[in-house]
Amino acid sequence: MGIVGVDPTGLVPESTKRRLFDSLIDFLESQTEKAGHHKAAEVLRDLRSDADFRDAFDQALQRAVRRFVDQYAAIDREMLVALMHERAVV
């Protein structure tokens, strides 16, 4: 409580608090990664408010890529190999 009996954090909307927290986590995670502490960076990444969503999205993306590879290999294997060796396909 503040001097006048008001909790100053109550004046900040929850969405803003969450964005500030996630920004702080992003900064700490990137600095930790740059310092070569990959496991610690991973732990920090898991503290984000959207960590569950990001994990689910990553898993879905991995499944989609595996499915694409499995299905496209039968259609055009040479193109698939070229795509897999290309860093950015736009």
Protein backbone atom coordinates (compact mmCIF):
# COMPACT_ATOMS: atom_id res chain seq x y z
CA MET A 1 0.00 0.00 0.00
CA GLY A 2 1.12 3.50 -0.74
CA ILE A 3 1.16 6.41 1.67
CA VAL A 4 -2.47 7.30 0.96
CA GLY A 5 -3.71 3.72 1.23
CA VAL A 6 -3.80 3.06 -2.52
CA ASP A 7 -1.96 0.18 -4.15
CA PRO A 8 -0.16 1.92 -7.06
CA THR A 9 0.11 -1.33 -9.05
CA GLY A 10 -3.68 -1.38 -9.15
CA LEU A 11 -3.56 1.66 -11.41
CA VAL A 12 -1.77 -0.30 -14.15
CA PRO A 13 -4.00 -2.53 -16.32
CA GLU A 14 -3.27 -6.28 -16.19
CA SER A 15 -2.56 -6.38 -19.93
CA THR A 16 0.13 -3.72 -19.50
CA LYS A 17 1.66 -5.57 -16.56
CA ARG A 18 1.75 -8.76 -18.63
CA ARG A 19 3.40 -6.98 -21.59
CA LEU A 20 6.01 -5.40 -19.30
CA PHE A 21 6.71 -8.75 -17.66
CA ASP A 22 7.05 -10.51 -21.02
CA SER A 23 9.33 -7.75 -22.32
CA LEU A 24 11.56 -8.10 -19.27
CA ILE A 25 11.64 -11.89 -19.72
CA ASP A 26 12.48 -11.46 -23.44
CA PHE A 27 15.36 -9.13 -22.58
CA LEU A 28 16.75 -11.41 -19.87
CA GLU A 29 16.35 -14.47 -22.09
CA SER A 30 18.17 -12.86 -25.03
CA GLN A 31 21.04 -11.65 -22.83
CA THR A 32 21.32 -15.08 -21.22
CA GLU A 33 21.34 -16.73 -24.66
CA LYS A 34 24.04 -14.33 -25.89
CA ALA A 35 26.15 -15.23 -22.86
CA GLY A 36 25.97 -18.87 -23.96
CA HIS A 37 23.69 -20.11 -21.19
CA HIS A 38 21.16 -21.91 -23.39
CA LYS A 39 19.49 -23.97 -20.66
CA ALA A 40 18.98 -20.91 -18.44
CA ALA A 41 17.57 -18.99 -21.43
CA GLU A 42 15.12 -21.83 -22.03
CA VAL A 43 13.97 -21.67 -18.40
CA LEU A 44 13.45 -17.92 -18.70
CA ARG A 45 11.49 -18.38 -21.95
CA ASP A 46 9.13 -20.71 -20.11
CA LEU A 47 8.26 -17.91 -17.67
CA ARG A 48 6.48 -15.83 -20.33
CA SER A 49 2.75 -15.49 -19.92
CA ASP A 50 2.22 -17.08 -23.33
CA ALA A 51 4.66 -19.96 -22.81
CA ASP A 52 1.95 -22.63 -23.10
CA PHE A 53 0.72 -21.14 -26.38
CA ARG A 54 4.26 -20.91 -27.76
CA ASP A 55 4.95 -24.54 -26.84
CA ALA A 56 1.72 -25.69 -28.48
CA PHE A 57 2.47 -23.60 -31.58
CA ASP A 58 6.01 -25.02 -31.86
CA GLN A 59 4.69 -28.58 -31.58
CA ALA A 60 2.00 -27.92 -34.19
CA LEU A 61 4.55 -26.39 -36.55
CA GLN A 62 6.86 -29.40 -36.15
CA ARG A 63 3.96 -31.76 -36.93
CA ALA A 64 3.02 -29.68 -39.98
CA VAL A 65 6.57 -29.75 -41.33
CA ARG A 66 6.84 -33.52 -40.78
CA ARG A 67 3.51 -34.04 -42.55
CA PHE A 68 4.56 -31.80 -45.45
CA VAL A 69 7.85 -33.67 -45.82
CA ASP A 70 6.12 -37.07 -45.70
CA GLN A 71 3.47 -36.12 -48.24
CA TYR A 72 5.59 -33.99 -50.59
CA ALA A 73 8.40 -36.54 -50.82
CA ALA A 74 6.16 -38.73 -52.95
CA ILE A 75 5.34 -35.83 -55.29
CA ASP A 76 8.69 -34.14 -55.92
CA ARG A 77 11.65 -35.42 -53.91
CA GLU A 78 14.18 -33.12 -55.64
CA MET A 79 12.15 -30.02 -54.80
CA LEU A 80 11.78 -31.21 -51.21
CA VAL A 81 15.56 -31.62 -50.86
CA ALA A 82 16.08 -28.13 -52.30
CA LEU A 83 13.54 -26.66 -49.88
CA MET A 84 15.15 -28.39 -46.91
CA HIS A 85 18.55 -26.91 -47.75
CA GLU A 86 17.23 -23.40 -48.29
CA ARG A 87 17.43 -21.19 -45.17
CA ALA A 88 14.56 -18.88 -46.15
CA VAL A 89 11.83 -19.76 -48.58
CA VAL A 90 9.74 -16.77 -49.56
